[in-house]
Amino acid sequence: TLYSAIDQQATNDCVPNDGIPYIFQVNYNEEAGAGAISVPTSSGRYFANRPFRPQGEITNNGILDLSDVPVRMEIYTLPGRQKVYNEVIVVQSVDANFPNNVAAAIFPLYTPAAAGQYEACMTVEYPGDPDNTNNQTCMTFTVNPNLQGTYTIGLKNAGKPNNYPTFELAANDLYEKGVSGPVTFELTDATYTIAGNNQTNNVAYDLSGYVPGMSATNTVTFKPSLERSLI
């Protein structure tokens, strides 16, 4: 802006003069944020009495490297938000430069006591953080029930509830879901064929692994169905 005379060339009075705005960014020196929770997730498969390890990512949104960042993970039952898990870990360092400005936060194991709806919240508790609006992220997830009661194995009841067409499918659910009470698998077919392979060391059906929740009370029984036992 020329005050003492008439500017005879106004086209160069503004920079930039091509109409494109000049964009710049102002950051805090040290500013940490909660990125995302990677475990648990809303689409994950979780079961009562089966432990999982909560995990998440935190971000460095400042211009200086961060060190010794406290991060808290809390888990609540829904509804009512009763707290059932509360752990704090310290992330040693988070770089300031992209893409290394993201660091993993890995927490101790958590074992859900019962099936139902839960909420997990991860909070960055960095001392003196100037922006607290991005310090927490939450995720709701479902804990599925364990096996309990009577199930059938075989092709006779194919398509019916609580039936497994093969031993292998029954074993997969048994190991993944665990048990929360006595479980009985009734055999409905006259014959079954189970083949071993290299992955099972040629063992056809191995039940030596750990089944969550199984005990002297929560037993697992394989027996013929009543109809098959009479035959």
Protein backbone atom coordinates (compact mmCIF):
# COMPACT_ATOMS: atom_id res chain seq x y z
CA THR A 1 0.00 0.00 0.00
CA LEU A 2 1.55 3.26 -1.17
CA TYR A 3 0.40 6.26 0.85
CA SER A 4 2.49 9.13 -0.53
CA ALA A 5 1.71 8.72 -4.21
CA ILE A 6 -0.33 6.81 -6.76
CA ASP A 7 0.99 3.31 -7.35
CA GLN A 8 1.32 2.92 -11.10
CA GLN A 9 1.72 -0.87 -11.02
CA ALA A 10 -0.70 -2.47 -8.57
CA THR A 11 -0.24 -6.01 -9.92
CA ASN A 12 2.85 -6.59 -7.80
CA ASP A 13 1.48 -5.12 -4.59
CA CYS A 14 0.43 -8.51 -3.15
CA VAL A 15 2.34 -11.75 -2.72
CA PRO A 16 1.35 -14.22 -3.92
CA ASN A 17 -0.28 -12.42 -6.83
CA ASP A 18 -1.62 -15.52 -8.63
CA GLY A 19 -4.65 -15.88 -6.38
CA ILE A 20 -3.36 -19.02 -4.68
CA PRO A 21 -3.24 -18.61 -0.90
CA TYR A 22 0.01 -19.25 0.94
CA ILE A 23 -0.76 -21.94 3.52
CA PHE A 24 1.41 -22.58 6.54
CA GLN A 25 1.03 -24.52 9.76
CA VAL A 26 1.68 -23.63 13.37
CA ASN A 27 2.32 -26.52 15.78
CA TYR A 28 3.01 -26.84 19.46
CA ASN A 29 6.47 -27.85 20.58
CA GLU A 30 5.13 -30.94 22.39
CA GLU A 31 1.64 -32.25 21.72
CA ALA A 32 0.58 -35.89 21.98
CA GLY A 33 -2.66 -37.44 20.80
CA ALA A 34 -4.49 -40.76 20.94
CA GLY A 35 -4.54 -42.16 17.43
CA ALA A 36 -6.65 -45.32 17.36
CA ILE A 37 -7.35 -48.52 19.27
CA SER A 38 -6.27 -51.54 17.22
CA VAL A 39 -7.24 -54.22 19.80
CA PRO A 40 -10.08 -54.62 20.63
CA THR A 41 -12.16 -53.59 17.60
CA SER A 42 -15.88 -53.59 16.93
CA SER A 43 -15.46 -56.38 14.34
CA GLY A 44 -13.04 -58.53 16.36
CA ARG A 45 -13.86 -61.95 17.83
CA TYR A 46 -13.50 -62.04 21.61
CA PHE A 47 -14.78 -64.61 24.06
CA ALA A 48 -15.34 -64.74 27.80
CA ASN A 49 -12.47 -66.27 29.80
CA ARG A 50 -10.15 -65.98 26.80
CA PRO A 51 -7.41 -63.33 27.22
CA PHE A 52 -6.45 -60.74 24.62
CA ARG A 53 -3.87 -57.97 24.63
CA PRO A 54 -5.24 -54.41 24.24
CA GLN A 55 -3.22 -52.29 21.80
CA GLY A 56 -3.38 -48.86 20.23
CA GLU A 57 -1.42 -46.10 18.50
CA ILE A 58 -0.50 -42.65 19.77
CA THR A 59 0.64 -39.71 17.64
CA ASN A 60 3.15 -36.91 18.04
CA ASN A 61 1.50 -33.76 16.68
CA GLY A 62 4.25 -31.37 17.81
CA ILE A 63 7.57 -30.30 16.30
CA LEU A 64 9.78 -31.93 18.96
CA ASP A 65 10.37 -35.61 19.67
CA LEU A 66 8.45 -36.96 22.65
CA SER A 67 9.78 -39.30 25.32
CA ASP A 68 8.23 -41.19 28.24
CA VAL A 69 4.59 -40.74 27.22
CA PRO A 70 2.11 -42.26 29.74
CA VAL A 71 -0.84 -43.98 28.06
CA ARG A 72 -3.84 -45.45 29.89
CA MET A 73 -6.22 -48.15 28.71
CA GLU A 74 -9.57 -48.55 30.48
CA ILE A 75 -12.27 -51.11 29.72
CA TYR A 76 -15.87 -50.83 30.92
CA THR A 77 -18.86 -53.17 30.83
CA LEU A 78 -21.99 -51.82 29.15
CA PRO A 79 -24.47 -50.58 30.13
CA GLY A 80 -23.50 -48.84 33.33
CA ARG A 81 -19.80 -48.41 32.44
CA GLN A 82 -18.40 -50.45 35.30
CA LYS A 83 -14.62 -50.34 35.03
CA VAL A 84 -13.05 -53.80 34.75
CA TYR A 85 -9.58 -52.93 33.39
CA ASN A 86 -7.23 -50.03 34.10
CA GLU A 87 -3.59 -50.19 32.99
CA VAL A 88 -0.95 -47.53 32.30
CA ILE A 89 2.12 -48.09 30.14
CA VAL A 90 4.89 -45.66 29.13
CA VAL A 91 5.84 -45.25 25.48
CA GLN A 92 9.55 -44.47 25.49
CA SER A 93 9.75 -42.25 22.40
CA VAL A 94 7.70 -40.88 19.52
CA ASP A 95 9.45 -39.08 16.65
CA ALA A 96 8.18 -35.75 15.42
CA ASN A 97 8.71 -36.38 11.70
CA PHE A 98 6.13 -38.11 9.53
CA PRO A 99 5.65 -41.07 9.11
CA ASN A 100 7.53 -41.98 12.28
CA ASN A 101 5.31 -39.77 14.44
CA VAL A 102 3.14 -42.77 15.31
CA ALA A 103 4.05 -45.26 18.05
CA ALA A 104 2.43 -48.45 19.32
CA ALA A 105 1.02 -48.73 22.84
CA ILE A 106 0.82 -52.36 23.99
CA PHE A 107 -0.89 -53.16 27.30
CA PRO A 108 -0.99 -56.20 29.63
CA LEU A 109 -3.41 -59.04 28.89
CA TYR A 110 -7.09 -58.68 29.74
CA THR A 111 -9.45 -61.61 30.29
CA PRO A 112 -13.19 -60.79 30.05
CA ALA A 113 -15.12 -62.47 32.83
CA ALA A 114 -18.44 -62.65 30.98
CA ALA A 115 -20.04 -62.18 27.59
CA GLY A 116 -21.64 -58.83 26.74
CA GLN A 117 -20.98 -55.33 25.42
CA TYR A 118 -17.82 -53.50 26.45
CA GLU A 119 -16.14 -50.16 25.82
CA ALA A 120 -12.38 -49.61 25.66
CA CYS A 121 -10.90 -46.11 26.05
CA MET A 122 -7.25 -45.20 25.47
CA THR A 123 -6.01 -41.90 26.95
CA VAL A 124 -2.69 -40.11 26.47
CA GLU A 125 -1.62 -38.51 29.77
CA TYR A 126 1.44 -36.53 28.66
CA PRO A 127 2.30 -33.84 31.28
CA GLY A 128 1.70 -30.29 30.06
CA ASP A 129 -0.07 -31.30 26.85
CA PRO A 130 -1.50 -28.01 25.49
CA ASP A 131 -4.36 -29.66 23.56
CA ASN A 132 -6.52 -32.12 25.48
CA THR A 133 -9.20 -32.46 22.80
CA ASN A 134 -7.41 -35.34 21.05
CA ASN A 135 -6.11 -37.20 24.08
CA GLN A 136 -8.72 -39.97 24.20
CA THR A 137 -10.27 -42.43 21.78
CA CYS A 138 -12.85 -45.11 22.58
CA MET A 139 -14.10 -48.29 20.95
CA THR A 140 -17.13 -50.46 21.73
CA PHE A 141 -16.80 -54.21 21.20
CA THR A 142 -18.62 -57.46 21.90
CA VAL A 143 -17.44 -60.38 24.03
CA ASN A 144 -19.10 -63.56 22.81
CA PRO A 145 -20.31 -66.38 25.08
CA ASN A 146 -18.45 -69.64 25.54
CA LEU A 147 -19.75 -73.07 24.64
CA GLN A 148 -22.15 -74.51 27.19
CA GLY A 149 -24.71 -77.29 26.95
CA THR A 150 -25.27 -79.97 24.30
CA TYR A 151 -24.11 -79.94 20.69
CA THR A 152 -24.20 -82.54 17.94
CA ILE A 153 -21.51 -83.63 15.49
CA GLY A 154 -22.42 -85.24 12.18
CA LEU A 155 -24.33 -84.88 8.95
CA LYS A 156 -27.66 -86.14 10.30
CA ASN A 157 -28.52 -82.75 11.81
CA ALA A 158 -26.85 -80.66 9.10
CA GLY A 159 -28.19 -77.12 9.08
CA LYS A 160 -29.73 -77.34 12.53
CA PRO A 161 -28.65 -75.10 15.42
CA ASN A 162 -25.83 -76.31 17.67
CA ASN A 163 -24.64 -78.86 15.10
CA TYR A 164 -21.13 -79.30 13.71
CA PRO A 165 -20.86 -81.30 10.47
CA THR A 166 -17.32 -82.45 11.33
CA PHE A 167 -15.09 -83.07 14.32
CA GLU A 168 -12.66 -80.46 13.02
CA LEU A 169 -15.25 -77.68 13.11
CA ALA A 170 -16.28 -78.66 16.61
CA ALA A 171 -12.67 -78.60 17.78
CA ASN A 172 -12.06 -75.19 16.20
CA ASP A 173 -14.96 -73.68 18.14
CA LEU A 174 -13.99 -75.52 21.32
CA TYR A 175 -10.47 -74.05 21.31
CA GLU A 176 -11.50 -70.58 20.15
CA LYS A 177 -14.61 -70.04 22.28
CA GLY A 178 -13.74 -72.10 25.35
CA VAL A 179 -16.39 -73.30 27.81
CA SER A 180 -18.32 -71.74 30.69
CA GLY A 181 -20.11 -74.88 31.83
CA PRO A 182 -20.33 -78.60 31.06
CA VAL A 183 -20.28 -79.28 27.31
CA THR A 184 -21.49 -82.47 25.63
CA PHE A 185 -20.88 -83.34 21.97
CA GLU A 186 -23.32 -86.03 20.80
CA LEU A 187 -22.30 -88.15 17.81
CA THR A 188 -25.23 -88.68 15.44
CA ASP A 189 -23.61 -90.53 12.53
CA ALA A 190 -22.63 -94.19 12.24
CA THR A 191 -19.09 -93.43 11.03
CA TYR A 192 -16.68 -90.49 10.91
CA THR A 193 -13.49 -90.06 8.92
CA ILE A 194 -10.76 -87.81 10.30
CA ALA A 195 -7.41 -87.61 8.55
CA GLY A 196 -4.14 -86.33 9.97
CA ASN A 197 -1.73 -84.14 8.03
CA ASN A 198 1.75 -82.66 8.30
CA GLN A 199 0.49 -79.74 10.39
CA THR A 200 -0.95 -82.10 13.00
CA ASN A 201 2.04 -84.49 12.91
CA ASN A 202 -0.34 -87.05 11.33
CA VAL A 203 -2.55 -87.05 14.43
CA ALA A 204 -6.18 -87.25 13.33
CA TYR A 205 -7.80 -85.48 16.29
CA ASP A 206 -5.69 -83.89 19.01
CA LEU A 207 -7.37 -82.65 22.19
CA SER A 208 -4.22 -82.06 24.23
CA GLY A 209 -4.32 -78.26 23.87
CA TYR A 210 -5.63 -75.75 26.38
CA VAL A 211 -9.39 -75.12 26.35
CA PRO A 212 -10.30 -71.85 28.15
CA GLY A 213 -12.66 -72.45 31.07
CA MET A 214 -12.42 -76.24 31.09
CA SER A 215 -12.15 -77.74 34.57
CA ALA A 216 -13.31 -80.63 36.73
CA THR A 217 -16.71 -78.91 36.79
CA ASN A 218 -16.79 -77.55 33.24
CA THR A 219 -16.14 -80.86 31.54
CA VAL A 220 -16.15 -81.70 27.82
CA THR A 221 -17.77 -85.02 26.89
CA PHE A 222 -18.04 -86.89 23.58
CA LYS A 223 -20.68 -89.62 23.43
CA PRO A 224 -23.21 -91.16 21.02
CA SER A 225 -26.60 -89.54 20.79
CA LEU A 226 -29.48 -91.47 22.35
CA GLU A 227 -30.74 -92.61 18.93
CA ARG A 228 -27.27 -93.73 17.85
CA SER A 229 -26.59 -95.51 21.15
CA LEU A 230 -29.79 -97.57 20.73
CA ILE A 231 -28.60 -98.66 17.28
